[in-house]
Amino acid sequence: MNEVMTFQNGTFGKVRTVQIDSAPWFVAKDIALALDYRDAEKMTRNLDDDEKLIHTLWVSGQNRETT
């Protein structure tokens, strides 16, 4: 399992990332909040299939599938 890294700044807040094949992937929910979207699932519908994936992350003491 890849390690989750959290970045934080005053403009966008906290954004979780994970490295997959040496490339950073961002947690859709965090990006949706940073861009003031209400629904991360609707936001990701506009992405191509090669721009999104479901990945299992250890979140809040549980394995969770995250977009």
C-alpha atoms as a PDB file:
ATOM      1  CA  MET A   1       0.000   0.000   0.000  1.00  0.00           C
ATOM      2  CA  ASN A   2       1.308   3.472  -0.879  1.00  0.00           C
ATOM      3  CA  GLU A   3       1.861   6.036   1.824  1.00  0.00           C
ATOM      4  CA  VAL A   4      -0.567   8.953   1.924  1.00  0.00           C
ATOM      5  CA  MET A   5       1.076  12.375   2.085  1.00  0.00           C
ATOM      6  CA  THR A   6      -0.858  15.473   3.114  1.00  0.00           C
ATOM      7  CA  PHE A   7      -0.026  18.947   1.861  1.00  0.00           C
ATOM      8  CA  GLN A   8      -1.540  22.038   3.406  1.00  0.00           C
ATOM      9  CA  ASN A   9      -1.551  25.711   2.510  1.00  0.00           C
ATOM     10  CA  GLY A  10      -3.701  28.705   3.373  1.00  0.00           C
ATOM     11  CA  THR A  11      -5.466  28.901   0.014  1.00  0.00           C
ATOM     12  CA  PHE A  12      -6.475  25.308  -0.682  1.00  0.00           C
ATOM     13  CA  GLY A  13      -6.379  23.702   2.754  1.00  0.00           C
ATOM     14  CA  LYS A  14      -5.351  20.043   3.106  1.00  0.00           C
ATOM     15  CA  VAL A  15      -4.827  17.922   0.000  1.00  0.00           C
ATOM     16  CA  ARG A  16      -3.919  14.236   0.298  1.00  0.00           C
ATOM     17  CA  THR A  17      -1.743  12.611  -2.353  1.00  0.00           C
ATOM     18  CA  VAL A  18      -0.314   9.174  -3.027  1.00  0.00           C
ATOM     19  CA  GLN A  19       2.586   8.256  -5.334  1.00  0.00           C
ATOM     20  CA  ILE A  20       1.673   5.678  -7.989  1.00  0.00           C
ATOM     21  CA  ASP A  21       4.330   4.758 -10.572  1.00  0.00           C
ATOM     22  CA  SER A  22       6.369   7.835  -9.551  1.00  0.00           C
ATOM     23  CA  ALA A  23       3.456  10.194 -10.278  1.00  0.00           C
ATOM     24  CA  PRO A  24       1.412  12.087  -7.678  1.00  0.00           C
ATOM     25  CA  TRP A  25      -2.308  11.294  -7.567  1.00  0.00           C
ATOM     26  CA  PHE A  26      -4.663  13.550  -5.620  1.00  0.00           C
ATOM     27  CA  VAL A  27      -7.689  12.532  -3.536  1.00  0.00           C
ATOM     28  CA  ALA A  28     -10.751  13.790  -5.444  1.00  0.00           C
ATOM     29  CA  LYS A  29     -12.660  14.789  -2.305  1.00  0.00           C
ATOM     30  CA  ASP A  30      -9.827  17.099  -1.225  1.00  0.00           C
ATOM     31  CA  ILE A  31      -9.579  18.707  -4.657  1.00  0.00           C
ATOM     32  CA  ALA A  32     -13.364  19.153  -4.786  1.00  0.00           C
ATOM     33  CA  LEU A  33     -13.282  20.958  -1.422  1.00  0.00           C
ATOM     34  CA  ALA A  34     -10.352  23.136  -2.529  1.00  0.00           C
ATOM     35  CA  LEU A  35     -12.254  24.147  -5.692  1.00  0.00           C
ATOM     36  CA  ASP A  36     -15.544  24.601  -3.811  1.00  0.00           C
ATOM     37  CA  TYR A  37     -17.354  21.699  -5.503  1.00  0.00           C
ATOM     38  CA  ARG A  38     -20.037  19.993  -3.417  1.00  0.00           C
ATOM     39  CA  ASP A  39     -19.765  16.541  -4.975  1.00  0.00           C
ATOM     40  CA  ALA A  40     -16.410  14.967  -5.841  1.00  0.00           C
ATOM     41  CA  GLU A  41     -18.086  12.141  -7.788  1.00  0.00           C
ATOM     42  CA  LYS A  42     -19.787  14.590 -10.157  1.00  0.00           C
ATOM     43  CA  MET A  43     -16.513  16.488 -10.538  1.00  0.00           C
ATOM     44  CA  THR A  44     -14.640  13.340 -11.604  1.00  0.00           C
ATOM     45  CA  ARG A  45     -17.218  12.506 -14.295  1.00  0.00           C
ATOM     46  CA  ASN A  46     -15.512  15.130 -16.477  1.00  0.00           C
ATOM     47  CA  LEU A  47     -12.163  13.302 -16.309  1.00  0.00           C
ATOM     48  CA  ASP A  48     -10.973  10.748 -18.865  1.00  0.00           C
ATOM     49  CA  ASP A  49     -10.591   7.155 -17.649  1.00  0.00           C
ATOM     50  CA  ASP A  50      -6.789   7.461 -17.633  1.00  0.00           C
ATOM     51  CA  GLU A  51      -7.044  10.530 -15.363  1.00  0.00           C
ATOM     52  CA  LYS A  52      -8.854   8.819 -12.476  1.00  0.00           C
ATOM     53  CA  LEU A  53      -8.778   5.575 -10.544  1.00  0.00           C
ATOM     54  CA  ILE A  54     -10.157   3.956  -7.423  1.00  0.00           C
ATOM     55  CA  HIS A  55      -7.370   3.248  -4.938  1.00  0.00           C
ATOM     56  CA  THR A  56      -7.564   1.715  -1.471  1.00  0.00           C
ATOM     57  CA  LEU A  57      -6.095   4.027   1.180  1.00  0.00           C
ATOM     58  CA  TRP A  58      -5.775   3.654   4.944  1.00  0.00           C
ATOM     59  CA  VAL A  59      -8.053   6.478   6.168  1.00  0.00           C
ATOM     60  CA  SER A  60      -9.337   7.014   9.711  1.00  0.00           C
ATOM     61  CA  GLY A  61      -8.182   3.576  10.828  1.00  0.00           C
ATOM     62  CA  GLN A  62      -9.839   1.725   7.926  1.00  0.00           C
ATOM     63  CA  ASN A  63      -9.069   0.705   4.368  1.00  0.00           C
ATOM     64  CA  ARG A  64     -11.288   2.819   2.146  1.00  0.00           C
ATOM     65  CA  GLU A  65     -11.702   3.005  -1.592  1.00  0.00           C
ATOM     66  CA  THR A  66     -10.871   6.528  -2.683  1.00  0.00           C
ATOM     67  CA  THR A  67     -11.172   8.202  -6.083  1.00  0.00           C
END
